[in-house]
Amino acid sequence: MESIKLKKPLTINGAKVEELTYDINEITPAGFAEAEFKKSQASGSKGAPNAGAVELDYSMHLYLGFAAIIAVNPQYDYNDLQRISGPDVMSVMKIGRNFIIASAAGDSEAAESENASETSPASTTQA
């Protein structure tokens, strides 16, 4: 589990929060889908899916960051985290971006190993 220190603390459930813990490994399929839904709502598309490239969807990265925070802090919700501001927005966005980058890196490694050619035996023909 990792954490980010907020430059502008939040008040959540009556307590001042200066640091947010998170774990991208705790994002579940339901958490991913909820992040996508909340991102769509925030962008004004009323929850309608947006079929863009997730690797380039910086708003989705932000909401995946929120999902990683909520996964280990179930007492927080999206309404709490949407009150972050300033450079803290970018700090949370980087959490989600790292989730996407880590996932994409794993996919490319798997694809490379799937496409690896087998070693052929050396030719036995004499010159």
N, C-alpha and C. Protein backbone atom coordinates (compact mmCIF):
# COMPACT_ATOMS: atom_id res chain seq x y z
N MET A 1 0.85 -1.16 0.00
CA MET A 1 0.00 0.00 0.00
C MET A 1 0.90 1.23 0.00
N GLU A 2 0.47 2.22 -0.77
CA GLU A 2 1.22 3.47 -0.86
C GLU A 2 0.33 4.63 -0.41
N SER A 3 0.89 5.83 -0.40
CA SER A 3 0.10 6.99 0.00
C SER A 3 0.59 8.25 -0.70
N ILE A 4 -0.31 9.23 -0.75
CA ILE A 4 0.06 10.56 -1.22
C ILE A 4 -0.29 11.55 -0.12
N LYS A 5 0.58 12.52 0.06
CA LYS A 5 0.33 13.58 1.03
C LYS A 5 -0.37 14.71 0.29
N LEU A 6 -1.51 15.11 0.82
CA LEU A 6 -2.28 16.17 0.17
C LEU A 6 -1.69 17.54 0.49
N LYS A 7 -1.61 18.37 -0.53
CA LYS A 7 -1.16 19.75 -0.32
C LYS A 7 -2.28 20.56 0.31
N LYS A 8 -3.52 20.18 0.01
CA LYS A 8 -4.69 20.85 0.58
C LYS A 8 -5.55 19.77 1.24
N PRO A 9 -5.43 19.61 2.55
CA PRO A 9 -6.17 18.55 3.25
C PRO A 9 -7.68 18.64 3.03
N LEU A 10 -8.33 17.49 3.12
CA LEU A 10 -9.78 17.38 3.00
C LEU A 10 -10.38 17.10 4.37
N THR A 11 -11.64 17.44 4.52
CA THR A 11 -12.38 17.00 5.70
C THR A 11 -13.34 15.93 5.21
N ILE A 12 -13.17 14.73 5.75
CA ILE A 12 -14.01 13.59 5.37
C ILE A 12 -14.58 13.00 6.64
N ASN A 13 -15.88 12.89 6.69
CA ASN A 13 -16.58 12.36 7.86
C ASN A 13 -16.16 13.08 9.14
N GLY A 14 -15.96 14.40 9.04
CA GLY A 14 -15.62 15.21 10.19
C GLY A 14 -14.16 15.18 10.60
N ALA A 15 -13.34 14.43 9.89
CA ALA A 15 -11.91 14.33 10.23
C ALA A 15 -11.07 14.97 9.13
N LYS A 16 -10.00 15.64 9.55
CA LYS A 16 -9.07 16.25 8.60
C LYS A 16 -8.17 15.15 8.03
N VAL A 17 -8.16 15.03 6.70
CA VAL A 17 -7.37 14.01 6.03
C VAL A 17 -6.24 14.71 5.28
N GLU A 18 -5.00 14.42 5.68
CA GLU A 18 -3.84 15.03 5.06
C GLU A 18 -3.10 14.07 4.13
N GLU A 19 -3.42 12.79 4.24
CA GLU A 19 -2.74 11.77 3.45
C GLU A 19 -3.76 10.73 3.02
N LEU A 20 -3.64 10.27 1.79
CA LEU A 20 -4.54 9.25 1.25
C LEU A 20 -3.75 8.00 0.92
N THR A 21 -4.14 6.88 1.51
CA THR A 21 -3.52 5.61 1.16
C THR A 21 -4.27 5.01 -0.02
N TYR A 22 -3.56 4.20 -0.80
CA TYR A 22 -4.16 3.57 -1.97
C TYR A 22 -3.41 2.31 -2.34
N ASP A 23 -4.05 1.47 -3.15
CA ASP A 23 -3.40 0.27 -3.65
C ASP A 23 -4.05 -0.08 -5.00
N ILE A 24 -3.31 0.10 -6.08
CA ILE A 24 -3.87 -0.19 -7.40
C ILE A 24 -4.18 -1.68 -7.56
N ASN A 25 -3.55 -2.52 -6.78
CA ASN A 25 -3.80 -3.96 -6.87
C ASN A 25 -5.14 -4.35 -6.27
N GLU A 26 -5.80 -3.43 -5.61
CA GLU A 26 -7.09 -3.71 -5.00
C GLU A 26 -8.26 -3.22 -5.86
N ILE A 27 -7.98 -2.69 -7.05
CA ILE A 27 -9.06 -2.28 -7.95
C ILE A 27 -9.69 -3.54 -8.55
N THR A 28 -10.97 -3.72 -8.29
CA THR A 28 -11.70 -4.89 -8.79
C THR A 28 -12.43 -4.53 -10.09
N PRO A 29 -12.98 -5.52 -10.78
CA PRO A 29 -13.79 -5.19 -11.95
C PRO A 29 -14.95 -4.25 -11.61
N ALA A 30 -15.59 -4.49 -10.47
CA ALA A 30 -16.69 -3.60 -10.05
C ALA A 30 -16.16 -2.20 -9.77
N GLY A 31 -14.99 -2.11 -9.14
CA GLY A 31 -14.38 -0.80 -8.87
C GLY A 31 -14.00 -0.08 -10.15
N PHE A 32 -13.51 -0.83 -11.13
CA PHE A 32 -13.16 -0.25 -12.43
C PHE A 32 -14.41 0.29 -13.12
N ALA A 33 -15.47 -0.52 -13.13
CA ALA A 33 -16.71 -0.10 -13.77
C ALA A 33 -17.32 1.11 -13.07
N GLU A 34 -17.25 1.13 -11.74
CA GLU A 34 -17.79 2.27 -11.01
C GLU A 34 -16.97 3.53 -11.32
N ALA A 35 -15.66 3.39 -11.42
CA ALA A 35 -14.82 4.53 -11.78
C ALA A 35 -15.22 5.08 -13.15
N GLU A 36 -15.46 4.18 -14.09
CA GLU A 36 -15.87 4.61 -15.43
C GLU A 36 -17.22 5.33 -15.37
N PHE A 37 -18.16 4.79 -14.60
CA PHE A 37 -19.48 5.39 -14.47
C PHE A 37 -19.39 6.77 -13.83
N LYS A 38 -18.63 6.89 -12.73
CA LYS A 38 -18.50 8.17 -12.03
C LYS A 38 -17.80 9.19 -12.91
N LYS A 39 -16.82 8.76 -13.68
CA LYS A 39 -16.12 9.65 -14.60
C LYS A 39 -17.08 10.16 -15.66
N SER A 40 -17.92 9.27 -16.19
CA SER A 40 -18.91 9.67 -17.20
C SER A 40 -19.90 10.68 -16.63
N GLN A 41 -20.36 10.45 -15.41
CA GLN A 41 -21.28 11.39 -14.77
C GLN A 41 -20.62 12.76 -14.61
N ALA A 42 -19.38 12.76 -14.14
CA ALA A 42 -18.66 14.02 -13.90
C ALA A 42 -18.42 14.79 -15.19
N SER A 43 -18.28 14.06 -16.29
CA SER A 43 -18.01 14.73 -17.56
C SER A 43 -19.30 15.18 -18.26
N GLY A 44 -20.43 14.92 -17.64
CA GLY A 44 -21.69 15.37 -18.20
C GLY A 44 -22.36 14.40 -19.15
N SER A 45 -21.82 13.19 -19.27
CA SER A 45 -22.45 12.23 -20.18
C SER A 45 -23.45 11.34 -19.47
N LYS A 46 -23.82 11.71 -18.25
CA LYS A 46 -24.88 11.05 -17.48
C LYS A 46 -24.70 9.54 -17.39
N GLY A 47 -23.46 9.11 -17.25
CA GLY A 47 -23.18 7.69 -17.07
C GLY A 47 -23.06 6.90 -18.35
N ALA A 48 -23.25 7.52 -19.50
CA ALA A 48 -23.12 6.80 -20.77
C ALA A 48 -21.65 6.44 -20.99
N PRO A 49 -21.38 5.23 -21.48
CA PRO A 49 -19.99 4.83 -21.68
C PRO A 49 -19.31 5.67 -22.75
N ASN A 50 -18.02 5.84 -22.59
CA ASN A 50 -17.21 6.60 -23.53
C ASN A 50 -16.14 5.64 -24.03
N ALA A 51 -16.24 5.19 -25.26
CA ALA A 51 -15.35 4.16 -25.78
C ALA A 51 -14.09 4.77 -26.39
N GLY A 52 -13.33 5.49 -25.60
CA GLY A 52 -12.05 6.03 -26.06
C GLY A 52 -10.93 5.13 -25.61
N ALA A 53 -9.72 5.46 -25.99
CA ALA A 53 -8.56 4.68 -25.56
C ALA A 53 -8.27 5.01 -24.09
N VAL A 54 -8.42 4.03 -23.23
CA VAL A 54 -8.25 4.27 -21.80
C VAL A 54 -6.83 4.76 -21.47
N GLU A 55 -5.86 4.39 -22.29
CA GLU A 55 -4.49 4.84 -22.06
C GLU A 55 -4.35 6.35 -22.19
N LEU A 56 -5.26 6.99 -22.93
CA LEU A 56 -5.20 8.43 -23.15
C LEU A 56 -6.31 9.19 -22.43
N ASP A 57 -7.11 8.51 -21.65
CA ASP A 57 -8.26 9.11 -20.98
C ASP A 57 -7.85 9.58 -19.59
N TYR A 58 -7.36 10.81 -19.51
CA TYR A 58 -6.82 11.33 -18.26
C TYR A 58 -7.87 11.47 -17.17
N SER A 59 -9.11 11.74 -17.54
CA SER A 59 -10.19 11.79 -16.55
C SER A 59 -10.43 10.40 -15.97
N MET A 60 -10.36 9.40 -16.81
CA MET A 60 -10.51 8.02 -16.32
C MET A 60 -9.38 7.68 -15.38
N HIS A 61 -8.19 8.14 -15.67
CA HIS A 61 -7.05 7.90 -14.78
C HIS A 61 -7.35 8.47 -13.39
N LEU A 62 -7.93 9.68 -13.36
CA LEU A 62 -8.29 10.31 -12.09
C LEU A 62 -9.27 9.43 -11.32
N TYR A 63 -10.29 8.95 -11.99
CA TYR A 63 -11.30 8.15 -11.31
C TYR A 63 -10.78 6.76 -10.94
N LEU A 64 -9.83 6.23 -11.68
CA LEU A 64 -9.18 4.99 -11.27
C LEU A 64 -8.32 5.24 -10.03
N GLY A 65 -7.71 6.43 -9.95
CA GLY A 65 -6.99 6.81 -8.73
C GLY A 65 -7.94 6.83 -7.54
N PHE A 66 -9.13 7.42 -7.75
CA PHE A 66 -10.14 7.42 -6.69
C PHE A 66 -10.49 5.98 -6.30
N ALA A 67 -10.65 5.10 -7.30
CA ALA A 67 -11.00 3.70 -7.03
C ALA A 67 -9.93 3.01 -6.19
N ALA A 68 -8.66 3.30 -6.47
CA ALA A 68 -7.56 2.71 -5.70
C ALA A 68 -7.56 3.21 -4.26
N ILE A 69 -7.97 4.46 -4.07
CA ILE A 69 -8.05 5.03 -2.72
C ILE A 69 -9.23 4.42 -1.97
N ILE A 70 -10.39 4.37 -2.62
CA ILE A 70 -11.60 3.83 -1.99
C ILE A 70 -11.44 2.35 -1.67
N ALA A 71 -10.69 1.63 -2.51
CA ALA A 71 -10.50 0.19 -2.30
C ALA A 71 -9.89 -0.11 -0.92
N VAL A 72 -9.03 0.77 -0.43
CA VAL A 72 -8.40 0.52 0.88
C VAL A 72 -8.93 1.46 1.96
N ASN A 73 -9.84 2.34 1.58
CA ASN A 73 -10.48 3.28 2.52
C ASN A 73 -11.99 3.27 2.25
N PRO A 74 -12.68 2.19 2.57
CA PRO A 74 -14.10 2.10 2.22
C PRO A 74 -14.98 3.14 2.91
N GLN A 75 -14.44 3.84 3.90
CA GLN A 75 -15.20 4.91 4.55
C GLN A 75 -15.24 6.18 3.69
N TYR A 76 -14.44 6.23 2.62
CA TYR A 76 -14.45 7.36 1.69
C TYR A 76 -15.35 7.00 0.51
N ASP A 77 -15.85 8.00 -0.17
CA ASP A 77 -16.59 7.76 -1.41
C ASP A 77 -16.18 8.80 -2.45
N TYR A 78 -16.73 8.65 -3.64
CA TYR A 78 -16.37 9.55 -4.74
C TYR A 78 -16.70 11.00 -4.41
N ASN A 79 -17.81 11.23 -3.71
CA ASN A 79 -18.17 12.60 -3.36
C ASN A 79 -17.10 13.24 -2.49
N ASP A 80 -16.52 12.47 -1.57
CA ASP A 80 -15.44 12.99 -0.74
C ASP A 80 -14.23 13.35 -1.59
N LEU A 81 -13.83 12.43 -2.44
CA LEU A 81 -12.59 12.60 -3.21
C LEU A 81 -12.72 13.63 -4.32
N GLN A 82 -13.93 13.88 -4.80
CA GLN A 82 -14.11 14.89 -5.83
C GLN A 82 -13.89 16.30 -5.30
N ARG A 83 -13.67 16.44 -4.00
CA ARG A 83 -13.39 17.76 -3.43
C ARG A 83 -11.89 18.08 -3.41
N ILE A 84 -11.05 17.17 -3.89
CA ILE A 84 -9.63 17.51 -3.95
C ILE A 84 -9.44 18.62 -4.98
N SER A 85 -8.35 19.35 -4.85
CA SER A 85 -8.11 20.45 -5.79
C SER A 85 -6.62 20.69 -5.95
N GLY A 86 -6.32 21.55 -6.91
CA GLY A 86 -4.93 21.95 -7.15
C GLY A 86 -4.07 20.77 -7.58
N PRO A 87 -2.81 20.80 -7.19
CA PRO A 87 -1.87 19.75 -7.59
C PRO A 87 -2.27 18.36 -7.08
N ASP A 88 -3.15 18.30 -6.07
CA ASP A 88 -3.61 17.00 -5.58
C ASP A 88 -4.39 16.25 -6.65
N VAL A 89 -5.06 16.97 -7.54
CA VAL A 89 -5.78 16.33 -8.64
C VAL A 89 -4.79 15.54 -9.49
N MET A 90 -3.67 16.15 -9.81
CA MET A 90 -2.66 15.47 -10.64
C MET A 90 -2.04 14.29 -9.90
N SER A 91 -1.85 14.42 -8.61
CA SER A 91 -1.29 13.31 -7.83
C SER A 91 -2.19 12.08 -7.89
N VAL A 92 -3.50 12.30 -7.76
CA VAL A 92 -4.44 11.18 -7.83
C VAL A 92 -4.53 10.65 -9.26
N MET A 93 -4.50 11.54 -10.25
CA MET A 93 -4.54 11.10 -11.65
C MET A 93 -3.36 10.18 -11.95
N LYS A 94 -2.20 10.48 -11.37
CA LYS A 94 -1.01 9.65 -11.61
C LYS A 94 -1.19 8.24 -11.06
N ILE A 95 -1.95 8.09 -9.98
CA ILE A 95 -2.24 6.76 -9.44
C ILE A 95 -2.95 5.92 -10.50
N GLY A 96 -4.01 6.50 -11.08
CA GLY A 96 -4.75 5.80 -12.12
C GLY A 96 -3.94 5.56 -13.37
N ARG A 97 -3.13 6.55 -13.73
CA ARG A 97 -2.26 6.39 -14.91
C ARG A 97 -1.30 5.23 -14.69
N ASN A 98 -0.74 5.13 -13.48
CA ASN A 98 0.18 4.04 -13.18
C ASN A 98 -0.52 2.69 -13.24
N PHE A 99 -1.80 2.65 -12.85
CA PHE A 99 -2.59 1.42 -12.97
C PHE A 99 -2.68 1.01 -14.44
N ILE A 100 -2.99 1.95 -15.30
CA ILE A 100 -3.12 1.67 -16.73
C ILE A 100 -1.78 1.27 -17.33
N ILE A 101 -0.73 2.00 -16.99
CA ILE A 101 0.61 1.70 -17.53
C ILE A 101 1.06 0.32 -17.09
N ALA A 102 0.86 0.00 -15.81
CA ALA A 102 1.26 -1.32 -15.30
C ALA A 102 0.50 -2.42 -16.01
N SER A 103 -0.79 -2.21 -16.25
CA SER A 103 -1.61 -3.20 -16.94
C SER A 103 -1.17 -3.34 -18.39
N ALA A 104 -0.90 -2.23 -19.05
CA ALA A 104 -0.48 -2.27 -20.46
C ALA A 104 0.89 -2.95 -20.58
N ALA A 105 1.79 -2.69 -19.64
CA ALA A 105 3.11 -3.32 -19.68
C ALA A 105 2.98 -4.83 -19.54
N GLY A 106 2.10 -5.27 -18.66
CA GLY A 106 1.86 -6.69 -18.48
C GLY A 106 1.29 -7.33 -19.73
N ASP A 107 0.39 -6.62 -20.43
CA ASP A 107 -0.19 -7.13 -21.67
C ASP A 107 0.86 -7.28 -22.75
N SER A 108 1.76 -6.29 -22.88
CA SER A 108 2.76 -6.37 -23.94
C SER A 108 3.76 -7.47 -23.65
N GLU A 109 4.08 -7.70 -22.38
CA GLU A 109 4.99 -8.79 -22.04
C GLU A 109 4.36 -10.13 -22.37
N ALA A 110 3.06 -10.28 -22.06
CA ALA A 110 2.36 -11.52 -22.37
C ALA A 110 2.30 -11.74 -23.88
N ALA A 111 2.01 -10.67 -24.63
CA ALA A 111 1.93 -10.78 -26.09
C ALA A 111 3.28 -11.18 -26.67
N GLU A 112 4.36 -10.62 -26.15
CA GLU A 112 5.69 -10.95 -26.65
C GLU A 112 6.01 -12.41 -26.39
N SER A 113 5.67 -12.93 -25.19
CA SER A 113 5.99 -14.32 -24.89
C SER A 113 5.12 -15.27 -25.70
N GLU A 114 3.86 -14.86 -26.02
CA GLU A 114 2.98 -15.69 -26.83
C GLU A 114 3.50 -15.77 -28.26
N ASN A 115 4.12 -14.71 -28.75
CA ASN A 115 4.59 -14.67 -30.12
C ASN A 115 6.04 -15.11 -30.28
N ALA A 116 6.67 -15.51 -29.19
CA ALA A 116 8.07 -15.91 -29.28
C ALA A 116 8.19 -17.16 -30.12
N SER A 117 9.20 -17.19 -30.99
CA SER A 117 9.37 -18.37 -31.84
C SER A 117 10.18 -19.41 -31.09
N GLU A 118 9.93 -20.65 -31.48
CA GLU A 118 10.68 -21.74 -30.86
C GLU A 118 12.05 -21.79 -31.52
N THR A 119 13.01 -22.33 -30.76
CA THR A 119 14.35 -22.48 -31.31
C THR A 119 14.35 -23.66 -32.26
N SER A 120 14.88 -23.47 -33.47
CA SER A 120 14.94 -24.54 -34.46
C SER A 120 16.26 -25.27 -34.29
N PRO A 121 16.23 -26.55 -34.50
CA PRO A 121 17.51 -27.28 -34.42
C PRO A 121 18.45 -26.82 -35.53
N ALA A 122 19.72 -26.91 -35.26
CA ALA A 122 20.72 -26.53 -36.25
C ALA A 122 20.68 -27.49 -37.42
N SER A 123 21.07 -27.01 -38.57
CA SER A 123 21.06 -27.82 -39.79
C SER A 123 22.07 -28.95 -39.65
N THR A 124 21.70 -30.14 -40.12
CA THR A 124 22.63 -31.29 -40.06
C THR A 124 23.25 -31.58 -41.42
N THR A 125 22.95 -30.70 -42.39
CA THR A 125 23.50 -30.87 -43.74
C THR A 125 24.97 -30.49 -43.72
N GLN A 126 25.80 -31.37 -44.30
CA GLN A 126 27.22 -31.06 -44.36
C GLN A 126 27.53 -30.26 -45.60
N ALA A 127 28.48 -29.36 -45.47
CA ALA A 127 28.86 -28.53 -46.60
C ALA A 127 29.76 -29.22 -47.54
